[in-house]
């Protein structure tokens, strides 16, 4: 039985490269597109701006994490945040 990963985590260096360029944007688009074609969940890390989020959303990247939503928090604080969201 062949096991393959179900999630591809896109490193922040692809999400927010040091220099914006057409080549960097094409590389990010290719990574997300390949994952989607393989029916894998795509998770982008290091999202800091609304523009980065919108770019990834437009590419059909399903999940994201980064300072746009919250700085890193200790486990007990993360559990409390998740609890508040799901207790609504």
Protein backbone atom coordinates (compact mmCIF):
# COMPACT_ATOMS: atom_id res chain seq x y z
CA UNK A 1 0.00 0.00 0.00
CA UNK A 2 1.40 3.35 -1.07
CA UNK A 3 1.08 6.06 1.55
CA UNK A 4 1.33 9.66 0.51
CA UNK A 5 1.00 12.88 2.43
CA UNK A 6 -2.46 14.47 2.48
CA UNK A 7 -1.29 18.00 3.23
CA UNK A 8 1.42 20.07 1.59
CA UNK A 9 2.68 22.90 3.79
CA UNK A 10 3.95 25.80 1.72
CA UNK A 11 6.93 27.45 3.35
CA UNK A 12 6.68 31.14 4.16
CA UNK A 13 9.58 31.87 1.81
CA UNK A 14 7.19 31.16 -1.08
CA UNK A 15 4.34 33.16 0.48
CA UNK A 16 6.40 36.26 1.22
CA UNK A 17 9.60 36.14 -0.83
CA UNK A 18 12.31 38.73 -0.22
CA UNK A 19 11.72 40.18 -3.69
CA UNK A 20 8.37 40.24 -5.46
CA UNK A 21 8.65 39.08 -9.04
CA UNK A 22 6.64 37.36 -11.73
CA UNK A 23 8.87 34.30 -11.27
CA UNK A 24 8.10 34.08 -7.53
CA UNK A 25 4.36 34.47 -8.16
CA UNK A 26 4.52 31.75 -10.85
CA UNK A 27 6.36 29.42 -8.51
CA UNK A 28 3.73 29.83 -5.79
CA UNK A 29 0.96 29.30 -8.34
CA UNK A 30 2.67 26.13 -9.59
CA UNK A 31 3.08 24.69 -6.09
CA UNK A 32 -0.59 25.26 -5.20
CA UNK A 33 -1.79 24.02 -8.59
CA UNK A 34 0.26 20.82 -8.35
CA UNK A 35 -1.09 20.08 -4.88
CA UNK A 36 -4.66 20.70 -6.02
CA UNK A 37 -4.22 18.45 -9.06
CA UNK A 38 -3.02 15.70 -6.71
CA UNK A 39 -6.13 16.27 -4.52
CA UNK A 40 -4.02 17.32 -1.57
CA UNK A 41 -4.84 19.94 1.04
CA UNK A 42 -2.64 23.01 0.68
CA UNK A 43 -1.56 24.94 3.80
CA UNK A 44 0.40 28.17 3.43
CA UNK A 45 2.44 29.49 6.33
CA UNK A 46 3.66 32.98 7.05
CA UNK A 47 0.65 34.93 5.79
CA UNK A 48 1.04 38.47 7.10
CA UNK A 49 -0.98 40.67 4.76
CA UNK A 50 -4.47 40.73 3.29
CA UNK A 51 -2.86 40.75 -0.17
CA UNK A 52 -0.99 37.49 0.52
CA UNK A 53 -4.19 35.94 1.83
CA UNK A 54 -6.18 37.05 -1.22
CA UNK A 55 -3.50 35.78 -3.61
CA UNK A 56 -3.55 32.35 -1.96
CA UNK A 57 -7.35 32.29 -1.82
CA UNK A 58 -7.49 33.09 -5.54
CA UNK A 59 -5.10 30.18 -6.18
CA UNK A 60 -7.45 27.86 -4.21
CA UNK A 61 -5.06 27.32 -1.32
CA UNK A 62 -7.39 25.86 1.31
CA UNK A 63 -5.61 26.65 4.58
CA UNK A 64 -3.31 29.31 5.93
CA UNK A 65 -1.57 30.42 9.06
CA UNK A 66 0.28 33.53 10.02
CA UNK A 67 0.38 36.83 11.85
CA UNK A 68 -2.54 38.11 9.75
CA UNK A 69 -4.75 36.18 12.17
CA UNK A 70 -2.64 35.76 15.29
CA UNK A 71 0.94 35.73 16.52
CA UNK A 72 2.27 32.43 17.78
CA UNK A 73 0.66 31.53 21.12
CA UNK A 74 1.36 28.86 23.75
CA UNK A 75 -0.68 25.65 23.51
CA UNK A 76 -3.02 26.49 26.40
CA UNK A 77 -3.86 29.86 24.83
CA UNK A 78 -4.44 28.24 21.45
CA UNK A 79 -6.84 25.75 23.04
CA UNK A 80 -8.75 28.63 24.66
CA UNK A 81 -9.00 30.49 21.34
CA UNK A 82 -10.28 27.41 19.55
CA UNK A 83 -12.73 26.79 22.38
CA UNK A 84 -14.14 30.30 22.08
CA UNK A 85 -14.60 29.92 18.33
CA UNK A 86 -16.40 26.59 18.56
CA UNK A 87 -18.49 27.43 21.65
CA UNK A 88 -20.48 30.03 19.69
